[in-house]
Amino acid sequence: MRAAEIRTPGQPPVVAGRAAPEPGPGQVAVRVTAAPITPLDLLCASGTSYFGVPATPYVPGVQGVGVLAGTPVWFATAAGMRPGDGSMAEHAMAAADDVVALPEGADPALVAALGLSAVAAWRCLTGTGKLAGGETVLVLGAGGVVGQSAVQLARVAGAGRVVACARSAAALERAGRLGADAVVRLGEDDVESLARRLADAAGPVDLVLDPVCGVPAAAALRTLRPGGRLVNLGSAAGEEFAVPSALLRSRSLRILGYTNNELSADERREALLTVVGHAMAGDLAVGYECVPLHDAARAWDRPGRVVLVP
């Protein structure tokens, strides 16, 4: 079979032939139909993640979509986090508990593009963030798949107003098409000037979904109304942001962290099927590009969500 192999951490994969894997105890064999290249895949393959330097060679891909015994499925792997291979191959192994049967008619490439990114957006909004009907949601990093999903899923979950932030004009235009009530372009503002622009666009905010951290998060914190929540799930704009003690205490604000790694298999399955259901109903879509598996090296660090297909 063909597979993408990480042979040297920090370098793009090499597509080569290798023997099809055989299932071990508790594993199943999936014929892969779509495998996304995600930020987590890039981080793990770089050798700089908190999981450590991965054992090489290995097949990357922490999630994928495929067929198991004639049934369409989504599956997860620990590729790059623990020894073993992932989804960027014609065939992959997955633990039985990490496989979710998909509804008939689900688009494999769209499900792969959404995957754990949409799961994170949904859980941040409805679980960690405890979004209530009619509340105002501010989505930072709305150009990424998490952010695109959050703009739409916030509305599905009952938000009264959704404001999207991103760096590019194209991402902001797309956020408007996806249902954002207002958009704010992120640039080189300092914290206070960005906070003023966010407040002008959003008014008092109940919930911030933050996949970027850094200056945008510090500015967004200042827009929260008393009792407001900020949920962080990434650091695309920086590893830290300033939290003034007086602001935190005077408004009884809550700063929360989120990771998909804390979900149980059942929680992940429920969230995934929820977002797939919304996608099939036409309530959720994201931008992505399908690329043949044999072009994985050239597509490895391409901007936007890339989905490898056979």
Foldseek 3Di string as FASTA:
>chain_A
DWAWWLADQQAFTAIDDDDADDDDPQKAKFQFFKFWQDPVQNCLSNQPDPLGNADDTEGTGQKGWGAGPRFTKIFGDCPSNHDHYHRLGRMGMGRPLRIATADPPQDRHQLNQQPVLLLQLLCVQCPVQVPDAAFEEEEEALQASNNVSNLLVSVVRHYNAYEYEEADPVSQVVSVVLPHPYYDHDDPDALQVVLVVCCVGGPAHAEYEAAAADSVVSSVLQSHAQAHEYEYEHHNNHDHDDDDPCSCVVRVYYYHYDDPVPDDSVSSNVSSNVVSVCVVVVSHGHDEAEDESNCSNVCNPPPHMYMYGD
